[in-house]
Every structure is written in structure tokens, then in C-alpha cells.
Amino acid sequence: MQTVLITGCSSGFGLETARYFLDHGWTVIATMRTPREDLLPRHERLKIIALDVTDAGSIASALEMAGPIDVLVNNAGIGFLNALEGTPVETIREIFETNTIGTMAMTQAVLPQFRQKTAGVIVNVTSAVTLKALHLLSVYTASKAAVDAFTECLALELAPFGIRACLVLPGRAPTTKFGENARARMTADNPFPEPYMPIVKGVFEHWEKDTSPVTQAFDVAEAVYRAATDPATPMRLAAGADAIAVAADAKARG
């Protein structure tokens, strides 16, 4: 029986991915900053553990409680929408600390056990926005694009040890709180700069009117499972019809 540790399981992609692996017979270590036992059904193959990927002590404690694992899914992240002018440097650091450095820290922490057994898979969940630029997402996209590049290099670095590293790139998803969180950023702490308000208004209006296909959490869970279990899976795997279309367009453009 194999074991997967998934970060960011309190909602959205992470929560659905935990359910998917559990339904497919895996032992699941579902981690989140504030553990909630009501989010997933009680099961002998399930552990819910506290984990803050920005805290080295929390990472060490979570891995000790988890025991040996076979797959690490780095899903934890912060969604963010604003013009660069309206984004304090402290906020930029916070986003990179979670989305980028947190992913690298988790990966670094599991590598010794993977290397010793010459096996293991690391699946990093980023975003299709790294393939197609969108308004007001420069900071968020940069944090995810860094993980894309990191994973590409990591795959080469770890291949001699029998360890795979790969990416899942979801499209936009109604099941996450990205839009809700973006609106919440319209505060005194992270206000949208006034000159950018026409762009902001247009973005929100587009989201409200857009009826094109979106990525469901199940699409991402299925893609993560495929990446974790099938060595023939491409290193970059788009999840959801919209993300697949973006990836195909990016490939056609070279």
C-alpha cells in the first residue's frame, strides 16, 4: 500500500485530491495549516496533520508524524490578484514564501528518504497562467512560474536516483476561492491602485459573464493521480479543458 502526502487540503484542489487518492486505495496524509476532521470521511488509511509550509519546524514535525511516504503533492498556495503597483513588497514576499519557497522546502525535506530508497514522486501543482499571461496576476504568476522552472531542473537532478518530479497545471476553477480572495484584497492593506480600476472592473465583469469551460477540482485530482502513478505521463500535465487548450496553444506558438 502506497502513501501520499498532500499539502493544502483544506479546500479546492488539495481536498479533492486527498479524496481521490483515498478512493483509489492509498494511505493519505492530508495536511493543512489548521486541521479539520470534518472535511474528509474518517478512514484507517487517512491522517489529517497540521502543516505550515513556510515553517521549518512545522515541516519537520509533519513529516515525522506522517512516516515514510511514496509521493509528495505540493499543492498549498496563495491566490492573489492585483497590479504590481498596488502590491506591497511584504505581500510579494508572503506569496513567494508559500507558493515557491514552501514548495522547495517540502521537496528538500522529503528527498533524503526518496533518495535512500531510490524511488519517489514529487508532483507540483502550479497553474496554466504560467503559459498564458493574464491581467493583474504578475506576482502570482511569477511565484508559480518559478516552481515550473524549478521542477524542470529538479526532474533532471533527481532522475539518477529513480525519483520523478512533475507538474500539474490547472486552469481557472470555480471550486477554489481565488476570485473571492481577490475581492477580499480590495482593502486598505492591498488596494487596487485607482488608475488600474478600469482593468480591475473589466476582469471581474469578464469572470462574471464568462461561460466557457473551467477546471473542476476533480480534473486536477485525476491529473495529479496520473502524474503520481504513471511514469509515462509528460512532465507538464495540463488539468481541465481550458488548461489543455492553453497548453496546446502555447506548444503551437513554440
Protein backbone atom coordinates (compact mmCIF):
# COMPACT_ATOMS: atom_id res chain seq x y z
CA MET A 1 0.00 0.00 0.00
CA GLN A 2 1.43 3.36 -1.04
CA THR A 3 1.30 6.64 0.85
CA VAL A 4 0.84 10.16 -0.47
CA LEU A 5 1.33 13.41 1.44
CA ILE A 6 -0.67 16.34 0.07
CA THR A 7 -0.27 19.95 1.19
CA GLY A 8 -3.10 22.47 1.24
CA CYS A 9 -6.01 20.08 1.77
CA SER A 10 -8.44 22.46 3.48
CA SER A 11 -10.33 23.17 0.24
CA GLY A 12 -10.36 23.03 -3.56
CA PHE A 13 -7.74 21.03 -5.42
CA GLY A 14 -5.99 19.65 -2.35
CA LEU A 15 -9.16 18.42 -0.68
CA GLU A 16 -10.43 16.72 -3.84
CA THR A 17 -7.02 15.17 -4.49
CA ALA A 18 -6.99 13.70 -0.99
CA ARG A 19 -10.43 12.17 -1.62
CA TYR A 20 -9.29 10.79 -4.99
CA PHE A 21 -6.21 9.02 -3.64
CA LEU A 22 -8.21 7.68 -0.69
CA ASP A 23 -10.85 6.28 -3.07
CA HIS A 24 -8.08 4.58 -5.06
CA GLY A 25 -6.75 2.64 -2.09
CA TRP A 26 -3.84 4.85 -0.99
CA THR A 27 -2.86 5.86 2.51
CA VAL A 28 -3.36 9.64 2.54
CA ILE A 29 -1.61 12.22 4.68
CA ALA A 30 -3.82 15.28 4.23
CA THR A 31 -2.14 18.40 5.58
CA MET A 32 -3.40 21.91 6.24
CA ARG A 33 -2.49 24.83 8.46
CA THR A 34 -5.49 24.27 10.74
CA PRO A 35 -6.58 20.62 10.73
CA ARG A 36 -10.31 19.93 10.34
CA GLU A 37 -11.54 16.39 10.85
CA ASP A 38 -14.92 17.12 9.23
CA LEU A 39 -13.55 17.76 5.73
CA LEU A 40 -12.84 14.12 4.89
CA PRO A 41 -14.52 10.86 5.90
CA ARG A 42 -12.95 9.00 8.80
CA HIS A 43 -10.78 6.22 7.44
CA GLU A 44 -8.00 3.98 8.72
CA ARG A 45 -5.90 4.99 5.70
CA LEU A 46 -6.26 8.73 6.41
CA LYS A 47 -4.23 11.02 8.63
CA ILE A 48 -5.00 14.75 8.90
CA ILE A 49 -1.93 16.65 10.05
CA ALA A 50 -1.14 20.30 10.76
CA LEU A 51 1.41 21.76 8.37
CA ASP A 52 2.59 25.26 7.55
CA VAL A 53 4.93 25.01 4.56
CA THR A 54 6.56 28.31 5.50
CA ASP A 55 7.73 26.96 8.87
CA ALA A 56 10.70 24.57 9.01
CA GLY A 57 9.65 23.21 12.39
CA SER A 58 6.15 22.51 11.15
CA ILE A 59 7.52 20.69 8.10
CA ALA A 60 9.81 18.51 10.22
CA SER A 61 7.02 17.69 12.67
CA ALA A 62 4.53 16.83 9.92
CA LEU A 63 6.97 14.50 8.16
CA GLU A 64 7.81 12.75 11.42
CA MET A 65 4.09 12.18 12.09
CA ALA A 66 3.50 11.05 8.51
CA GLY A 67 6.22 8.42 8.46
CA PRO A 68 7.57 7.09 5.15
CA ILE A 69 5.79 8.36 2.03
CA ASP A 70 5.93 7.44 -1.64
CA VAL A 71 4.53 10.60 -3.24
CA LEU A 72 4.63 14.27 -2.27
CA VAL A 73 1.99 16.57 -3.77
CA ASN A 74 2.88 20.25 -3.31
CA ASN A 75 -0.49 21.93 -3.65
CA ALA A 76 -0.54 24.57 -0.89
CA GLY A 77 -0.61 28.10 -2.25
CA ILE A 78 -1.93 31.63 -2.04
CA GLY A 79 -4.06 33.10 -4.81
CA PHE A 80 -3.50 36.79 -5.46
CA LEU A 81 -4.84 39.40 -7.87
CA ASN A 82 -3.56 42.98 -8.06
CA ALA A 83 -1.46 45.32 -10.13
CA LEU A 84 2.20 45.27 -9.18
CA GLU A 85 1.97 48.97 -8.21
CA GLY A 86 -0.62 48.12 -5.59
CA THR A 87 1.23 45.16 -4.11
CA PRO A 88 3.44 45.83 -1.07
CA VAL A 89 6.81 44.12 -1.13
CA GLU A 90 5.82 42.37 2.10
CA THR A 91 2.87 40.79 0.29
CA ILE A 92 5.10 39.69 -2.58
CA ARG A 93 7.41 38.01 -0.06
CA GLU A 94 4.43 36.30 1.62
CA ILE A 95 3.20 34.87 -1.70
CA PHE A 96 6.63 33.62 -2.74
CA GLU A 97 7.24 32.23 0.75
CA THR A 98 4.21 29.95 0.39
CA ASN A 99 3.88 29.30 -3.32
CA THR A 100 7.56 28.98 -4.20
CA ILE A 101 9.82 28.56 -1.18
CA GLY A 102 7.25 26.40 0.62
CA THR A 103 7.22 24.01 -2.32
CA MET A 104 11.01 23.90 -2.41
CA ALA A 105 11.27 23.40 1.35
CA MET A 106 8.81 20.50 1.35
CA THR A 107 10.61 18.89 -1.57
CA GLN A 108 14.00 19.28 0.08
CA ALA A 109 12.68 17.73 3.28
CA VAL A 110 11.45 14.51 1.61
CA LEU A 111 14.41 13.97 -0.71
CA PRO A 112 16.62 12.05 1.74
CA GLN A 113 14.05 9.28 2.19
CA PHE A 114 13.28 9.15 -1.54
CA ARG A 115 16.96 9.03 -2.44
CA GLN A 116 17.73 6.29 0.07
CA LYS A 117 15.09 4.01 -1.40
CA THR A 118 15.79 5.17 -4.99
CA ALA A 119 12.11 5.82 -5.56
CA GLY A 120 9.53 8.56 -5.09
CA VAL A 121 7.44 11.07 -6.98
CA ILE A 122 7.07 14.82 -6.46
CA VAL A 123 4.02 16.44 -8.07
CA ASN A 124 3.98 20.24 -8.00
CA VAL A 125 0.64 21.93 -8.68
CA THR A 126 1.12 25.29 -10.37
CA SER A 127 -1.18 27.00 -12.89
CA ALA A 128 -1.90 27.39 -16.59
CA VAL A 129 -1.37 31.15 -16.13
CA THR A 130 2.35 30.36 -16.45
CA LEU A 131 1.61 29.51 -20.09
CA LYS A 132 -0.65 32.46 -20.89
CA ALA A 133 -0.32 35.88 -19.28
CA LEU A 134 -3.44 37.43 -17.74
CA HIS A 135 -4.22 40.86 -16.28
CA LEU A 136 -3.32 41.62 -12.66
CA LEU A 137 -1.62 38.30 -11.98
CA SER A 138 2.04 39.26 -12.34
CA VAL A 139 3.07 38.41 -8.77
CA TYR A 140 1.04 35.20 -8.53
CA THR A 141 2.21 34.05 -11.97
CA ALA A 142 5.84 34.76 -11.12
CA SER A 143 5.58 32.64 -7.97
CA LYS A 144 4.14 29.73 -9.94
CA ALA A 145 6.43 30.11 -12.96
CA ALA A 146 9.40 29.83 -10.60
CA VAL A 147 8.05 26.43 -9.48
CA ASP A 148 7.68 25.37 -13.12
CA ALA A 149 11.35 26.13 -13.82
CA PHE A 150 12.41 24.60 -10.50
CA THR A 151 10.59 21.37 -11.32
CA GLU A 152 12.10 21.11 -14.79
CA CYS A 153 15.61 21.30 -13.35
CA LEU A 154 14.70 19.06 -10.43
CA ALA A 155 13.49 16.32 -12.75
CA LEU A 156 16.96 16.18 -14.34
CA GLU A 157 18.71 16.39 -10.98
CA LEU A 158 16.74 13.53 -9.42
CA ALA A 159 16.41 11.13 -12.35
CA PRO A 160 19.70 9.30 -11.49
CA PHE A 161 18.18 8.43 -8.09
CA GLY A 162 14.98 6.96 -9.53
CA ILE A 163 12.91 9.94 -8.36
CA ARG A 164 10.41 11.65 -10.65
CA ALA A 165 9.41 15.32 -10.46
CA CYS A 166 6.48 16.61 -12.50
CA LEU A 167 3.96 19.43 -12.84
CA VAL A 168 0.18 19.68 -12.94
CA LEU A 169 -1.10 22.94 -14.40
CA PRO A 170 -4.79 23.62 -13.63
CA GLY A 171 -6.87 26.18 -15.46
CA ARG A 172 -9.26 28.60 -13.76
CA ALA A 173 -11.54 26.88 -11.30
CA PRO A 174 -14.87 27.82 -9.75
CA THR A 175 -14.25 25.41 -6.89
CA THR A 176 -11.36 27.39 -5.42
CA LYS A 177 -11.63 30.68 -3.51
CA PHE A 178 -9.36 32.58 -5.88
CA GLY A 179 -11.96 35.13 -7.01
CA GLU A 180 -13.36 35.51 -3.52
CA ASN A 181 -9.90 36.10 -2.09
CA ALA A 182 -9.09 38.55 -4.86
CA ARG A 183 -12.11 40.66 -3.93
CA ALA A 184 -11.09 40.48 -0.29
CA ARG A 185 -7.78 42.07 -1.27
CA MET A 186 -9.67 45.31 -2.06
CA THR A 187 -8.82 46.60 1.41
CA ALA A 188 -6.64 49.28 2.92
CA ASP A 189 -3.80 46.75 3.06
CA ASN A 190 -3.80 45.79 -0.62
CA PRO A 191 -5.93 48.32 -2.51
CA PHE A 192 -6.18 48.21 -6.27
CA PRO A 193 -4.48 51.43 -7.49
CA GLU A 194 -7.04 53.89 -8.83
CA PRO A 195 -5.50 54.16 -12.34
CA TYR A 196 -5.96 50.38 -12.72
CA MET A 197 -9.63 50.30 -11.71
CA PRO A 198 -10.95 50.12 -15.31
CA ILE A 199 -8.81 47.00 -15.78
CA VAL A 200 -9.97 45.56 -12.46
CA LYS A 201 -13.60 46.21 -13.34
CA GLY A 202 -13.14 44.55 -16.72
CA VAL A 203 -11.52 41.48 -15.18
CA PHE A 204 -14.33 40.95 -12.68
CA GLU A 205 -17.01 41.57 -15.30
CA HIS A 206 -15.35 39.02 -17.56
CA TRP A 207 -15.30 36.44 -14.77
CA GLU A 208 -18.99 37.01 -14.07
CA LYS A 209 -20.05 36.71 -17.72
CA ASP A 210 -17.65 34.04 -18.94
CA THR A 211 -19.46 30.75 -19.60
CA SER A 212 -16.54 28.87 -21.18
CA PRO A 213 -15.44 25.53 -19.63
CA VAL A 214 -13.49 25.75 -16.40
CA THR A 215 -11.30 23.33 -14.49
CA GLN A 216 -13.08 21.31 -11.85
CA ALA A 217 -11.28 20.11 -8.74
CA PHE A 218 -11.85 16.54 -9.92
CA ASP A 219 -9.89 17.30 -13.12
CA VAL A 220 -6.90 18.31 -11.04
CA ALA A 221 -7.17 15.34 -8.68
CA GLU A 222 -7.28 12.97 -11.65
CA ALA A 223 -4.25 14.65 -13.25
CA VAL A 224 -2.25 14.54 -10.02
CA TYR A 225 -3.05 10.85 -9.59
CA ARG A 226 -1.99 10.13 -13.16
CA ALA A 227 1.27 12.06 -12.69
CA ALA A 228 1.95 10.18 -9.45
CA THR A 229 1.22 6.69 -10.75
CA ASP A 230 2.13 6.62 -14.46
CA PRO A 231 5.84 7.11 -15.29
CA ALA A 232 4.86 7.69 -18.93
CA THR A 233 2.98 10.86 -18.01
CA PRO A 234 4.51 14.04 -19.52
CA MET A 235 6.45 16.12 -17.04
CA ARG A 236 3.99 19.00 -17.63
CA LEU A 237 0.37 17.90 -17.43
CA ALA A 238 -2.47 20.39 -18.02
CA ALA A 239 -5.62 19.76 -15.96
CA GLY A 240 -9.05 20.80 -17.24
CA ALA A 241 -10.33 21.56 -20.74
CA ASP A 242 -9.38 25.23 -20.57
CA ALA A 243 -5.85 24.46 -19.36
CA ILE A 244 -5.40 21.82 -22.06
CA ALA A 245 -6.40 24.38 -24.68
CA VAL A 246 -3.95 26.92 -23.29
CA ALA A 247 -1.15 24.32 -23.23
CA ALA A 248 -1.87 23.31 -26.83
CA ASP A 249 -1.80 26.95 -27.93
CA ALA A 250 1.48 27.56 -26.08
CA LYS A 251 3.02 24.50 -27.74
CA ALA A 252 1.85 25.66 -31.18
CA ARG A 253 3.41 29.07 -30.58
CA GLY A 254 6.68 27.38 -29.62
